[in-house]
Amino acid sequence: MDTGKYFRQVNLPEQKQYDDGVIFPVVLSPNTNFDCNFTAEAKESDFKEAIKAEKQWIESLVDKYGVILFRGFPVKSASDFNDVVEAFGFPEIEYVGGRAPRTKVVGRVYTANESPPENRVPFHHEMSYVPDAPSKLFFFCEQEPGKGGQTPLVLSHIIYDKMKEKYPEFIAEVEEHGVKNVVVMGDEDDSSNVGGRGWKSAYMTNDKKVAEERAAKQGAKLEWMHGNAVKVTTGPLPAFRFDKKSQHKTWFNNIAYTKPVPLNGINVDDHDTYIELGNGGLVSDQAQKECSKIMEEECVVVPWKNGDVMLVNNLIVLHARQPLLKPPRRVLASLCK
């Protein structure tokens, strides 16, 4: 793999290398051997200038390999991280309709998911349940976990290929009909739930009519229920996506972790996420379990280190969160169009 003049590739034991030459994830550190501003005590401003100088090359890497982990750079705070995100120049995407409880920290930086850290966050593409999902995600490790709390990664096309091989009829049905997603939201955030964002936060308003308008722009329908709760239905949406740059078909859905039940039988008091096929058919329970198993088998887990910045191609990579076994842990995020 070619390297930019400001960066050097680092090999880690947790990486995977595939037959097509893809190294997953790519890990880059400062190139201290080159005659540039990077030294052992590199400055955060040097990192920003290197990003700007090598942006085209970096983008080509994340398009091909899916994830870049920047390690050993002087990024120490949320403000530093925000400067790095802005150095890339990717347009920001508002988290309208998003389901994870988050809080803005500074600029374009948010908490990653405020559900209890001992809870697992399942594999997902960020906002796969809306037509225009983020194309890129940034994560920043401000405080590395004591134990557990890592962020597993898996290439989405591998999941699609293995599921199609094992369940060709089910995949053909999903491909034909797409999927409908439903989430029941309360009016306030529930930080005890991985997907516990309330509709007021999700649509950034206290006005039900405004919420309906913003949801409609994403192809979602709101049905108001008792107790000020709302049922949000999106789709049918394609469950798989063809990525032109990588030339792979990806598993761009949340089949693996949502409840496969008829959407007309949802209990208003159960603030959870649900899924069915676009024609009203149920998702195969066996296929759902097998999908989760494949994700666990194929994923890569690179332990976080303080100062790590990770750039994820959300269109071709799924990510998750392992339960935190020993605090502390603080990982921040930023979403881009």
C-alpha atoms as a PDB file:
ATOM      1  CA  MET A   1       0.000   0.000   0.000  1.00  0.00           C
ATOM      2  CA  ASP A   2       1.315   3.449  -0.905  1.00  0.00           C
ATOM      3  CA  THR A   3       1.828   5.839   1.997  1.00  0.00           C
ATOM      4  CA  GLY A   4       1.609   9.604   2.025  1.00  0.00           C
ATOM      5  CA  LYS A   5       4.770  11.533   2.800  1.00  0.00           C
ATOM      6  CA  TYR A   6       3.435  12.714   6.164  1.00  0.00           C
ATOM      7  CA  PHE A   7       2.270   9.285   7.323  1.00  0.00           C
ATOM      8  CA  ARG A   8       3.618   5.774   7.757  1.00  0.00           C
ATOM      9  CA  GLN A   9       1.646   2.554   7.877  1.00  0.00           C
ATOM     10  CA  VAL A  10       1.731   0.597  11.137  1.00  0.00           C
ATOM     11  CA  ASN A  11       0.936  -3.102  11.448  1.00  0.00           C
ATOM     12  CA  LEU A  12      -1.017  -4.388  14.438  1.00  0.00           C
ATOM     13  CA  PRO A  13      -1.686  -8.028  15.367  1.00  0.00           C
ATOM     14  CA  GLU A  14      -5.451  -7.451  15.367  1.00  0.00           C
ATOM     15  CA  GLN A  15      -5.595  -6.445  11.673  1.00  0.00           C
ATOM     16  CA  LYS A  16      -6.952  -8.760   8.995  1.00  0.00           C
ATOM     17  CA  GLN A  17      -5.645  -9.063   5.457  1.00  0.00           C
ATOM     18  CA  TYR A  18      -7.931 -10.415   2.758  1.00  0.00           C
ATOM     19  CA  ASP A  19      -7.219 -12.181  -0.539  1.00  0.00           C
ATOM     20  CA  ASP A  20      -7.988  -9.018  -2.512  1.00  0.00           C
ATOM     21  CA  GLY A  21      -5.193  -7.173  -0.683  1.00  0.00           C
ATOM     22  CA  VAL A  22      -7.444  -5.226   1.667  1.00  0.00           C
ATOM     23  CA  ILE A  23      -5.873  -4.567   5.068  1.00  0.00           C
ATOM     24  CA  PHE A  24      -8.493  -3.953   7.736  1.00  0.00           C
ATOM     25  CA  PRO A  25      -8.259  -1.547   9.342  1.00  0.00           C
ATOM     26  CA  VAL A  26      -5.460   0.637   7.979  1.00  0.00           C
ATOM     27  CA  VAL A  27      -3.371   2.141  10.793  1.00  0.00           C
ATOM     28  CA  LEU A  28      -1.383   5.344  10.170  1.00  0.00           C
ATOM     29  CA  SER A  29       1.117   7.082  12.438  1.00  0.00           C
ATOM     30  CA  PRO A  30       3.352  10.154  11.983  1.00  0.00           C
ATOM     31  CA  ASN A  31       6.181   9.725   9.491  1.00  0.00           C
ATOM     32  CA  THR A  32       9.010  10.983  11.671  1.00  0.00           C
ATOM     33  CA  ASN A  33      11.633   9.880   9.106  1.00  0.00           C
ATOM     34  CA  PHE A  34      10.479  12.364   6.497  1.00  0.00           C
ATOM     35  CA  ASP A  35      11.741  15.935   6.387  1.00  0.00           C
ATOM     36  CA  CYS A  36       8.523  17.543   7.502  1.00  0.00           C
ATOM     37  CA  ASN A  37       7.052  19.107  10.628  1.00  0.00           C
ATOM     38  CA  PHE A  38       6.311  15.802  12.373  1.00  0.00           C
ATOM     39  CA  THR A  39       8.640  14.998  15.233  1.00  0.00           C
ATOM     40  CA  ALA A  40       8.300  12.820  18.289  1.00  0.00           C
ATOM     41  CA  GLU A  41       6.543  15.819  19.854  1.00  0.00           C
ATOM     42  CA  ALA A  42       4.311  16.571  16.891  1.00  0.00           C
ATOM     43  CA  LYS A  43       1.872  19.420  17.241  1.00  0.00           C
ATOM     44  CA  GLU A  44      -1.853  19.120  16.609  1.00  0.00           C
ATOM     45  CA  SER A  45      -1.576  21.905  14.026  1.00  0.00           C
ATOM     46  CA  ASP A  46       0.955  19.782  12.110  1.00  0.00           C
ATOM     47  CA  PHE A  47      -1.564  16.929  11.988  1.00  0.00           C
ATOM     48  CA  LYS A  48      -4.205  19.249  10.563  1.00  0.00           C
ATOM     49  CA  GLU A  49      -1.846  20.543   7.886  1.00  0.00           C
ATOM     50  CA  ALA A  50      -0.838  16.979   6.976  1.00  0.00           C
ATOM     51  CA  ILE A  51      -4.514  16.038   6.603  1.00  0.00           C
ATOM     52  CA  LYS A  52      -5.130  18.950   4.275  1.00  0.00           C
ATOM     53  CA  ALA A  53      -2.030  18.126   2.213  1.00  0.00           C
ATOM     54  CA  GLU A  54      -2.881  14.411   1.936  1.00  0.00           C
ATOM     55  CA  LYS A  55      -6.685  14.555   1.935  1.00  0.00           C
ATOM     56  CA  GLN A  56      -7.147  13.049  -1.521  1.00  0.00           C
ATOM     57  CA  TRP A  57      -4.856  10.143  -0.673  1.00  0.00           C
ATOM     58  CA  ILE A  58      -6.541   9.576   2.712  1.00  0.00           C
ATOM     59  CA  GLU A  59      -9.974   9.545   1.082  1.00  0.00           C
ATOM     60  CA  SER A  60      -8.795   6.966  -1.454  1.00  0.00           C
ATOM     61  CA  LEU A  61      -7.683   4.748   1.439  1.00  0.00           C
ATOM     62  CA  VAL A  62     -10.956   4.949   3.340  1.00  0.00           C
ATOM     63  CA  ASP A  63     -12.905   4.301   0.121  1.00  0.00           C
ATOM     64  CA  LYS A  64     -10.896   1.134  -0.530  1.00  0.00           C
ATOM     65  CA  TYR A  65     -10.112  -0.191   2.939  1.00  0.00           C
ATOM     66  CA  GLY A  66     -13.101   1.067   4.940  1.00  0.00           C
ATOM     67  CA  VAL A  67     -11.392   2.299   8.115  1.00  0.00           C
ATOM     68  CA  ILE A  68      -8.301   4.344   8.972  1.00  0.00           C
ATOM     69  CA  LEU A  69      -7.045   4.453  12.533  1.00  0.00           C
ATOM     70  CA  PHE A  70      -4.762   7.436  13.174  1.00  0.00           C
ATOM     71  CA  ARG A  71      -2.527   6.575  16.122  1.00  0.00           C
ATOM     72  CA  GLY A  72       0.253   8.541  17.783  1.00  0.00           C
ATOM     73  CA  PHE A  73      -0.949  12.009  16.823  1.00  0.00           C
ATOM     74  CA  PRO A  74      -1.272  14.864  19.345  1.00  0.00           C
ATOM     75  CA  VAL A  75      -5.054  14.860  19.717  1.00  0.00           C
ATOM     76  CA  LYS A  76      -5.820  15.239  23.406  1.00  0.00           C
ATOM     77  CA  SER A  77      -9.184  16.938  23.795  1.00  0.00           C
ATOM     78  CA  ALA A  78     -12.618  17.242  22.241  1.00  0.00           C
ATOM     79  CA  SER A  79     -11.565  20.628  20.872  1.00  0.00           C
ATOM     80  CA  ASP A  80      -8.495  19.073  19.228  1.00  0.00           C
ATOM     81  CA  PHE A  81     -10.716  16.376  17.744  1.00  0.00           C
ATOM     82  CA  ASN A  82     -13.117  18.979  16.377  1.00  0.00           C
ATOM     83  CA  ASP A  83     -10.182  20.723  14.665  1.00  0.00           C
ATOM     84  CA  VAL A  84      -9.169  17.423  13.048  1.00  0.00           C
ATOM     85  CA  VAL A  85     -12.707  16.786  11.775  1.00  0.00           C
ATOM     86  CA  GLU A  86     -12.893  20.282  10.316  1.00  0.00           C
ATOM     87  CA  ALA A  87      -9.480  19.845   8.657  1.00  0.00           C
ATOM     88  CA  PHE A  88     -10.971  17.109   6.471  1.00  0.00           C
ATOM     89  CA  GLY A  89     -13.655  19.486   5.221  1.00  0.00           C
ATOM     90  CA  PHE A  90     -16.442  16.901   4.952  1.00  0.00           C
ATOM     91  CA  PRO A  91     -19.911  18.483   5.225  1.00  0.00           C
ATOM     92  CA  GLU A  92     -21.576  17.980   8.586  1.00  0.00           C
ATOM     93  CA  ILE A  93     -24.789  15.971   8.831  1.00  0.00           C
ATOM     94  CA  GLU A  94     -27.384  16.821  11.454  1.00  0.00           C
ATOM     95  CA  TYR A  95     -28.464  13.898  13.617  1.00  0.00           C
ATOM     96  CA  VAL A  96     -32.147  14.435  12.763  1.00  0.00           C
ATOM     97  CA  GLY A  97     -34.104  11.226  13.239  1.00  0.00           C
ATOM     98  CA  GLY A  98     -31.174   9.487  14.912  1.00  0.00           C
ATOM     99  CA  ARG A  99     -32.022   7.025  17.668  1.00  0.00           C
ATOM    100  CA  ALA A 100     -29.001   7.009  19.980  1.00  0.00           C
ATOM    101  CA  PRO A 101     -28.981   9.401  22.956  1.00  0.00           C
ATOM    102  CA  ARG A 102     -26.154  11.898  22.338  1.00  0.00           C
ATOM    103  CA  THR A 103     -25.030  15.259  23.679  1.00  0.00           C
ATOM    104  CA  LYS A 104     -23.131  17.955  21.838  1.00  0.00           C
ATOM    105  CA  VAL A 105     -19.665  18.480  23.328  1.00  0.00           C
ATOM    106  CA  VAL A 106     -18.110  21.166  21.115  1.00  0.00           C
ATOM    107  CA  GLY A 107     -18.433  22.232  17.482  1.00  0.00           C
ATOM    108  CA  ARG A 108     -19.164  19.097  15.440  1.00  0.00           C
ATOM    109  CA  VAL A 109     -18.320  16.697  18.262  1.00  0.00           C
ATOM    110  CA  TYR A 110     -20.902  14.628  20.169  1.00  0.00           C
ATOM    111  CA  THR A 111     -20.900  11.831  22.691  1.00  0.00           C
ATOM    112  CA  ALA A 112     -20.994   8.482  20.885  1.00  0.00           C
ATOM    113  CA  ASN A 113     -23.885   6.748  22.695  1.00  0.00           C
ATOM    114  CA  GLU A 114     -25.003   7.617  26.195  1.00  0.00           C
ATOM    115  CA  SER A 115     -26.620   4.288  27.016  1.00  0.00           C
ATOM    116  CA  PRO A 116     -25.044   2.515  30.038  1.00  0.00           C
ATOM    117  CA  PRO A 117     -21.478   1.587  29.041  1.00  0.00           C
ATOM    118  CA  GLU A 118     -21.949  -1.953  30.354  1.00  0.00           C
ATOM    119  CA  ASN A 119     -24.581  -2.485  27.631  1.00  0.00           C
ATOM    120  CA  ARG A 120     -23.545  -3.781  24.235  1.00  0.00           C
ATOM    121  CA  VAL A 121     -24.299  -1.716  21.127  1.00  0.00           C
ATOM    122  CA  PRO A 122     -24.928  -4.180  18.256  1.00  0.00           C
ATOM    123  CA  PHE A 123     -23.330  -3.989  14.817  1.00  0.00           C
ATOM    124  CA  HIS A 124     -24.889  -1.327  12.623  1.00  0.00           C
ATOM    125  CA  HIS A 125     -24.366   1.182   9.860  1.00  0.00           C
ATOM    126  CA  GLU A 126     -25.069   4.603  11.343  1.00  0.00           C
ATOM    127  CA  MET A 127     -28.639   5.672  10.473  1.00  0.00           C
ATOM    128  CA  SER A 128     -29.205   2.902   7.917  1.00  0.00           C
ATOM    129  CA  TYR A 129     -32.938   3.439   8.518  1.00  0.00           C
ATOM    130  CA  VAL A 130     -32.997   6.798   6.673  1.00  0.00           C
ATOM    131  CA  PRO A 131     -32.518   7.352   2.922  1.00  0.00           C
ATOM    132  CA  ASP A 132     -29.453   9.611   3.305  1.00  0.00           C
ATOM    133  CA  ALA A 133     -27.242   8.023   5.941  1.00  0.00           C
ATOM    134  CA  PRO A 134     -23.872   9.558   6.876  1.00  0.00           C
ATOM    135  CA  SER A 135     -21.097   8.513   4.511  1.00  0.00           C
ATOM    136  CA  LYS A 136     -18.290   8.963   7.046  1.00  0.00           C
ATOM    137  CA  LEU A 137     -17.920   8.762  10.815  1.00  0.00           C
ATOM    138  CA  PHE A 138     -15.147   9.946  13.087  1.00  0.00           C
ATOM    139  CA  PHE A 139     -14.425   8.514  16.524  1.00  0.00           C
ATOM    140  CA  PHE A 140     -11.954   9.864  19.068  1.00  0.00           C
ATOM    141  CA  CYS A 141     -10.679   8.075  22.155  1.00  0.00           C
ATOM    142  CA  GLU A 142     -10.302  10.741  24.820  1.00  0.00           C
ATOM    143  CA  GLN A 143     -10.035   8.155  27.606  1.00  0.00           C
ATOM    144  CA  GLU A 144      -9.135   4.570  26.748  1.00  0.00           C
ATOM    145  CA  PRO A 145     -11.200   1.847  28.447  1.00  0.00           C
ATOM    146  CA  GLY A 146      -9.906   0.120  31.553  1.00  0.00           C
ATOM    147  CA  LYS A 147     -11.222  -3.199  30.206  1.00  0.00           C
ATOM    148  CA  GLY A 148     -13.765  -3.990  27.509  1.00  0.00           C
ATOM    149  CA  GLY A 149     -15.583  -1.108  25.828  1.00  0.00           C
ATOM    150  CA  GLN A 150     -13.887  -1.606  22.456  1.00  0.00           C
ATOM    151  CA  THR A 151     -15.385  -0.748  19.045  1.00  0.00           C
ATOM    152  CA  PRO A 152     -15.529  -3.884  16.835  1.00  0.00           C
ATOM    153  CA  LEU A 153     -15.540  -3.335  13.063  1.00  0.00           C
ATOM    154  CA  VAL A 154     -16.604  -5.565  10.183  1.00  0.00           C
ATOM    155  CA  LEU A 155     -16.653  -5.146   6.409  1.00  0.00           C
ATOM    156  CA  SER A 156     -20.295  -5.118   5.371  1.00  0.00           C
ATOM    157  CA  HIS A 157     -19.897  -6.916   2.035  1.00  0.00           C
ATOM    158  CA  ILE A 158     -18.525  -9.975   3.829  1.00  0.00           C
ATOM    159  CA  ILE A 159     -21.777 -10.224   5.797  1.00  0.00           C
ATOM    160  CA  TYR A 160     -23.835  -9.917   2.624  1.00  0.00           C
ATOM    161  CA  ASP A 161     -21.778 -12.531   0.769  1.00  0.00           C
ATOM    162  CA  LYS A 162     -21.910 -15.065   3.594  1.00  0.00           C
ATOM    163  CA  MET A 163     -25.624 -14.555   4.236  1.00  0.00           C
ATOM    164  CA  LYS A 164     -26.424 -14.892   0.538  1.00  0.00           C
ATOM    165  CA  GLU A 165     -24.447 -18.126   0.409  1.00  0.00           C
ATOM    166  CA  LYS A 166     -26.266 -19.564   3.435  1.00  0.00           C
ATOM    167  CA  TYR A 167     -29.794 -18.142   2.953  1.00  0.00           C
ATOM    168  CA  PRO A 168     -30.208 -17.415  -0.786  1.00  0.00           C
ATOM    169  CA  GLU A 169     -34.021 -17.529  -0.758  1.00  0.00           C
ATOM    170  CA  PHE A 170     -34.331 -15.214   2.231  1.00  0.00           C
ATOM    171  CA  ILE A 171     -31.833 -12.764   0.750  1.00  0.00           C
ATOM    172  CA  ALA A 172     -33.705 -12.773  -2.560  1.00  0.00           C
ATOM    173  CA  GLU A 173     -36.946 -11.975  -0.714  1.00  0.00           C
ATOM    174  CA  VAL A 174     -35.318  -9.151   1.258  1.00  0.00           C
ATOM    175  CA  GLU A 175     -33.734  -7.816  -1.935  1.00  0.00           C
ATOM    176  CA  GLU A 176     -37.112  -7.771  -3.675  1.00  0.00           C
ATOM    177  CA  HIS A 177     -39.170  -6.159  -0.926  1.00  0.00           C
ATOM    178  CA  GLY A 178     -36.742  -4.167   1.206  1.00  0.00           C
ATOM    179  CA  VAL A 179     -37.427  -3.566   4.892  1.00  0.00           C
ATOM    180  CA  LYS A 180     -39.667  -1.394   7.043  1.00  0.00           C
ATOM    181  CA  ASN A 181     -38.261  -0.056  10.301  1.00  0.00           C
ATOM    182  CA  VAL A 182     -40.281   1.063  13.294  1.00  0.00           C
ATOM    183  CA  VAL A 183     -39.182   2.628  16.542  1.00  0.00           C
ATOM    184  CA  VAL A 184     -41.457   3.690  19.398  1.00  0.00           C
ATOM    185  CA  MET A 185     -40.146   6.886  20.980  1.00  0.00           C
ATOM    186  CA  GLY A 186     -41.161   8.645  24.147  1.00  0.00           C
ATOM    187  CA  ASP A 187     -41.019  12.416  24.335  1.00  0.00           C
ATOM    188  CA  GLU A 188     -37.864  12.464  26.472  1.00  0.00           C
ATOM    189  CA  ASP A 189     -34.522  10.703  26.093  1.00  0.00           C
ATOM    190  CA  ASP A 190     -34.065   7.375  27.849  1.00  0.00           C
ATOM    191  CA  SER A 191     -30.332   6.954  28.381  1.00  0.00           C
ATOM    192  CA  SER A 192     -30.856   3.420  29.729  1.00  0.00           C
ATOM    193  CA  ASN A 193     -31.670   2.284  26.181  1.00  0.00           C
ATOM    194  CA  VAL A 194     -29.134   2.008  23.330  1.00  0.00           C
ATOM    195  CA  GLY A 195     -31.778   3.458  20.993  1.00  0.00           C
ATOM    196  CA  GLY A 196     -33.559   5.508  23.623  1.00  0.00           C
ATOM    197  CA  ARG A 197     -33.630   8.961  22.076  1.00  0.00           C
ATOM    198  CA  GLY A 198     -36.920  10.783  22.528  1.00  0.00           C
ATOM    199  CA  TRP A 199     -38.756  12.343  19.595  1.00  0.00           C
ATOM    200  CA  LYS A 200     -38.137  15.894  20.835  1.00  0.00           C
ATOM    201  CA  SER A 201     -34.382  15.342  20.651  1.00  0.00           C
ATOM    202  CA  ALA A 202     -34.569  13.227  17.500  1.00  0.00           C
ATOM    203  CA  TYR A 203     -36.416  15.900  15.543  1.00  0.00           C
ATOM    204  CA  MET A 204     -34.996  18.861  17.487  1.00  0.00           C
ATOM    205  CA  THR A 205     -38.355  20.399  18.345  1.00  0.00           C
ATOM    206  CA  ASN A 206     -41.156  20.314  20.915  1.00  0.00           C
ATOM    207  CA  ASP A 207     -43.737  20.897  18.172  1.00  0.00           C
ATOM    208  CA  LYS A 208     -45.428  17.724  16.875  1.00  0.00           C
ATOM    209  CA  LYS A 209     -46.230  19.318  13.528  1.00  0.00           C
ATOM    210  CA  VAL A 210     -42.597  20.349  12.981  1.00  0.00           C
ATOM    211  CA  ALA A 211     -41.506  16.838  13.979  1.00  0.00           C
ATOM    212  CA  GLU A 212     -43.870  15.379  11.370  1.00  0.00           C
ATOM    213  CA  GLU A 213     -42.451  17.672   8.674  1.00  0.00           C
ATOM    214  CA  ARG A 214     -38.849  16.796   9.498  1.00  0.00           C
ATOM    215  CA  ALA A 215     -39.659  13.100   9.602  1.00  0.00           C
ATOM    216  CA  ALA A 216     -41.424  13.313   6.234  1.00  0.00           C
ATOM    217  CA  LYS A 217     -38.257  14.727   4.655  1.00  0.00           C
ATOM    218  CA  GLN A 218     -36.584  11.443   5.614  1.00  0.00           C
ATOM    219  CA  GLY A 219     -39.441   9.346   4.276  1.00  0.00           C
ATOM    220  CA  ALA A 220     -40.714   8.583   7.792  1.00  0.00           C
ATOM    221  CA  LYS A 221     -44.284   8.635   9.087  1.00  0.00           C
ATOM    222  CA  LEU A 222     -45.170   9.577  12.667  1.00  0.00           C
ATOM    223  CA  GLU A 223     -48.210   8.099  14.438  1.00  0.00           C
ATOM    224  CA  TRP A 224     -48.968   9.717  17.782  1.00  0.00           C
ATOM    225  CA  MET A 225     -49.894   7.390  20.613  1.00  0.00           C
ATOM    226  CA  HIS A 226     -51.059   7.811  24.210  1.00  0.00           C
ATOM    227  CA  GLY A 227     -48.609   9.057  26.785  1.00  0.00           C
ATOM    228  CA  ASN A 228     -47.059  11.473  24.261  1.00  0.00           C
ATOM    229  CA  ALA A 229     -45.228   8.574  22.578  1.00  0.00           C
ATOM    230  CA  VAL A 230     -44.868   8.245  18.812  1.00  0.00           C
ATOM    231  CA  LYS A 231     -44.434   5.343  16.415  1.00  0.00           C
ATOM    232  CA  VAL A 232     -41.926   6.202  13.689  1.00  0.00           C
ATOM    233  CA  THR A 233     -42.143   4.112  10.518  1.00  0.00           C
ATOM    234  CA  THR A 234     -39.591   4.322   7.709  1.00  0.00           C
ATOM    235  CA  GLY A 235     -39.464   2.413   4.470  1.00  0.00           C
ATOM    236  CA  PRO A 236     -39.665   0.201   2.703  1.00  0.00           C
ATOM    237  CA  LEU A 237     -35.969   0.902   2.128  1.00  0.00           C
ATOM    238  CA  PRO A 238     -33.405  -1.246   0.302  1.00  0.00           C
ATOM    239  CA  ALA A 239     -31.721  -3.609   2.746  1.00  0.00           C
ATOM    240  CA  PHE A 240     -28.580  -3.895   0.627  1.00  0.00           C
ATOM    241  CA  ARG A 241     -26.520  -1.210  -1.036  1.00  0.00           C
ATOM    242  CA  PHE A 242     -24.107  -1.397  -3.964  1.00  0.00           C
ATOM    243  CA  ASP A 243     -20.999   0.663  -3.278  1.00  0.00           C
ATOM    244  CA  LYS A 244     -19.653   1.904  -6.595  1.00  0.00           C
ATOM    245  CA  LYS A 245     -16.191   2.738  -5.285  1.00  0.00           C
ATOM    246  CA  SER A 246     -15.479  -0.645  -3.732  1.00  0.00           C
ATOM    247  CA  GLN A 247     -17.693  -2.530  -6.220  1.00  0.00           C
ATOM    248  CA  HIS A 248     -19.268  -4.514  -3.381  1.00  0.00           C
ATOM    249  CA  LYS A 249     -22.841  -5.070  -2.297  1.00  0.00           C
ATOM    250  CA  THR A 250     -23.190  -4.296   1.408  1.00  0.00           C
ATOM    251  CA  TRP A 251     -25.455  -5.418   4.252  1.00  0.00           C
ATOM    252  CA  PHE A 252     -26.968  -1.960   4.806  1.00  0.00           C
ATOM    253  CA  ASN A 253     -29.755  -2.700   7.282  1.00  0.00           C
ATOM    254  CA  ASN A 254     -30.443  -3.413  10.941  1.00  0.00           C
ATOM    255  CA  ILE A 255     -31.943  -6.890  10.539  1.00  0.00           C
ATOM    256  CA  ALA A 256     -29.446  -8.418  12.980  1.00  0.00           C
ATOM    257  CA  TYR A 257     -30.564  -6.485  16.053  1.00  0.00           C
ATOM    258  CA  THR A 258     -34.199  -5.355  15.683  1.00  0.00           C
ATOM    259  CA  LYS A 259     -37.244  -7.325  16.775  1.00  0.00           C
ATOM    260  CA  PRO A 260     -38.808  -9.263  13.860  1.00  0.00           C
ATOM    261  CA  VAL A 261     -42.512  -8.830  14.701  1.00  0.00           C
ATOM    262  CA  PRO A 262     -45.617  -7.656  12.806  1.00  0.00           C
ATOM    263  CA  LEU A 263     -45.533  -3.884  12.972  1.00  0.00           C
ATOM    264  CA  ASN A 264     -49.259  -3.602  13.660  1.00  0.00           C
ATOM    265  CA  GLY A 265     -48.853  -5.479  16.957  1.00  0.00           C
ATOM    266  CA  ILE A 266     -46.373  -3.206  18.689  1.00  0.00           C
ATOM    267  CA  ASN A 267     -46.948  -2.274  22.332  1.00  0.00           C
ATOM    268  CA  VAL A 268     -46.773   1.475  22.897  1.00  0.00           C
ATOM    269  CA  ASP A 269     -45.036   0.956  26.230  1.00  0.00           C
ATOM    270  CA  ASP A 270     -42.205  -1.043  24.670  1.00  0.00           C
ATOM    271  CA  HIS A 271     -39.824   1.668  23.440  1.00  0.00           C
ATOM    272  CA  ASP A 272     -37.788  -0.499  21.121  1.00  0.00           C
ATOM    273  CA  THR A 273     -36.946  -0.985  17.435  1.00  0.00           C
ATOM    274  CA  TYR A 274     -38.726  -3.372  15.102  1.00  0.00           C
ATOM    275  CA  ILE A 275     -38.426  -4.622  11.547  1.00  0.00           C
ATOM    276  CA  GLU A 276     -40.436  -6.444   8.912  1.00  0.00           C
ATOM    277  CA  LEU A 277     -40.085  -6.977   5.171  1.00  0.00           C
ATOM    278  CA  GLY A 278     -41.511  -4.350   2.861  1.00  0.00           C
ATOM    279  CA  ASN A 279     -44.376  -6.692   1.893  1.00  0.00           C
ATOM    280  CA  GLY A 280     -45.301  -7.311   5.543  1.00  0.00           C
ATOM    281  CA  GLY A 281     -43.410 -10.592   5.782  1.00  0.00           C
ATOM    282  CA  LEU A 282     -41.437 -11.496   8.879  1.00  0.00           C
ATOM    283  CA  VAL A 283     -37.666 -11.582   9.081  1.00  0.00           C
ATOM    284  CA  SER A 284     -36.387 -15.126   9.535  1.00  0.00           C
ATOM    285  CA  ASP A 285     -35.421 -15.651  13.175  1.00  0.00           C
ATOM    286  CA  GLN A 286     -32.817 -18.228  12.151  1.00  0.00           C
ATOM    287  CA  ALA A 287     -31.298 -15.902   9.556  1.00  0.00           C
ATOM    288  CA  GLN A 288     -31.205 -13.094  12.090  1.00  0.00           C
ATOM    289  CA  LYS A 289     -29.278 -15.203  14.609  1.00  0.00           C
ATOM    290  CA  GLU A 290     -26.887 -16.460  11.924  1.00  0.00           C
ATOM    291  CA  CYS A 291     -26.225 -12.897  10.787  1.00  0.00           C
ATOM    292  CA  SER A 292     -25.230 -11.854  14.312  1.00  0.00           C
ATOM    293  CA  LYS A 293     -22.983 -14.909  14.571  1.00  0.00           C
ATOM    294  CA  ILE A 294     -21.208 -14.102  11.287  1.00  0.00           C
ATOM    295  CA  MET A 295     -20.639 -10.511  12.382  1.00  0.00           C
ATOM    296  CA  GLU A 296     -18.969 -11.686  15.578  1.00  0.00           C
ATOM    297  CA  GLU A 297     -16.806 -14.187  13.702  1.00  0.00           C
ATOM    298  CA  GLU A 298     -15.674 -11.736  11.036  1.00  0.00           C
ATOM    299  CA  CYS A 299     -15.130  -8.596  13.086  1.00  0.00           C
ATOM    300  CA  VAL A 300     -11.840  -6.943  14.003  1.00  0.00           C
ATOM    301  CA  VAL A 301     -11.240  -5.435  17.430  1.00  0.00           C
ATOM    302  CA  VAL A 302      -8.318  -3.022  17.808  1.00  0.00           C
ATOM    303  CA  PRO A 303      -8.059  -1.844  21.438  1.00  0.00           C
ATOM    304  CA  TRP A 304      -8.441   1.901  21.893  1.00  0.00           C
ATOM    305  CA  LYS A 305      -5.457   4.015  22.929  1.00  0.00           C
ATOM    306  CA  ASN A 306      -5.648   7.567  24.241  1.00  0.00           C
ATOM    307  CA  GLY A 307      -5.598  10.031  21.336  1.00  0.00           C
ATOM    308  CA  ASP A 308      -6.744   7.557  18.669  1.00  0.00           C
ATOM    309  CA  VAL A 309      -8.812   9.058  15.858  1.00  0.00           C
ATOM    310  CA  MET A 310     -10.747   6.648  13.652  1.00  0.00           C
ATOM    311  CA  LEU A 311     -12.227   7.500  10.255  1.00  0.00           C
ATOM    312  CA  VAL A 312     -14.942   5.019   9.196  1.00  0.00           C
ATOM    313  CA  ASN A 313     -16.570   4.649   5.796  1.00  0.00           C
ATOM    314  CA  ASN A 314     -20.126   4.172   7.048  1.00  0.00           C
ATOM    315  CA  LEU A 315     -21.273   2.934   3.630  1.00  0.00           C
ATOM    316  CA  ILE A 316     -19.122  -0.210   3.723  1.00  0.00           C
ATOM    317  CA  VAL A 317     -18.301  -0.848   7.405  1.00  0.00           C
ATOM    318  CA  LEU A 318     -20.467  -1.815  10.378  1.00  0.00           C
ATOM    319  CA  HIS A 319     -19.400  -0.938  13.917  1.00  0.00           C
ATOM    320  CA  ALA A 320     -20.474  -1.936  17.418  1.00  0.00           C
ATOM    321  CA  ARG A 321     -19.559  -1.358  21.072  1.00  0.00           C
ATOM    322  CA  GLN A 322     -18.480  -4.036  23.504  1.00  0.00           C
ATOM    323  CA  PRO A 323     -19.665  -3.835  27.119  1.00  0.00           C
ATOM    324  CA  LEU A 324     -17.361  -1.843  29.359  1.00  0.00           C
ATOM    325  CA  LEU A 325     -15.994  -4.146  32.054  1.00  0.00           C
ATOM    326  CA  LYS A 326     -13.765  -1.647  33.833  1.00  0.00           C
ATOM    327  CA  PRO A 327     -14.133   2.163  33.641  1.00  0.00           C
ATOM    328  CA  PRO A 328     -13.241   4.756  32.611  1.00  0.00           C
ATOM    329  CA  ARG A 329     -14.018   5.159  28.910  1.00  0.00           C
ATOM    330  CA  ARG A 330     -14.782   8.230  26.822  1.00  0.00           C
ATOM    331  CA  VAL A 331     -15.143   7.956  23.056  1.00  0.00           C
ATOM    332  CA  LEU A 332     -16.546  10.901  21.076  1.00  0.00           C
ATOM    333  CA  ALA A 333     -18.034  10.981  17.597  1.00  0.00           C
ATOM    334  CA  SER A 334     -18.733  13.192  14.599  1.00  0.00           C
ATOM    335  CA  LEU A 335     -20.984  12.395  11.609  1.00  0.00           C
ATOM    336  CA  CYS A 336     -20.436  13.602   8.037  1.00  0.00           C
ATOM    337  CA  LYS A 337     -22.501  13.587   4.854  1.00  0.00           C
END
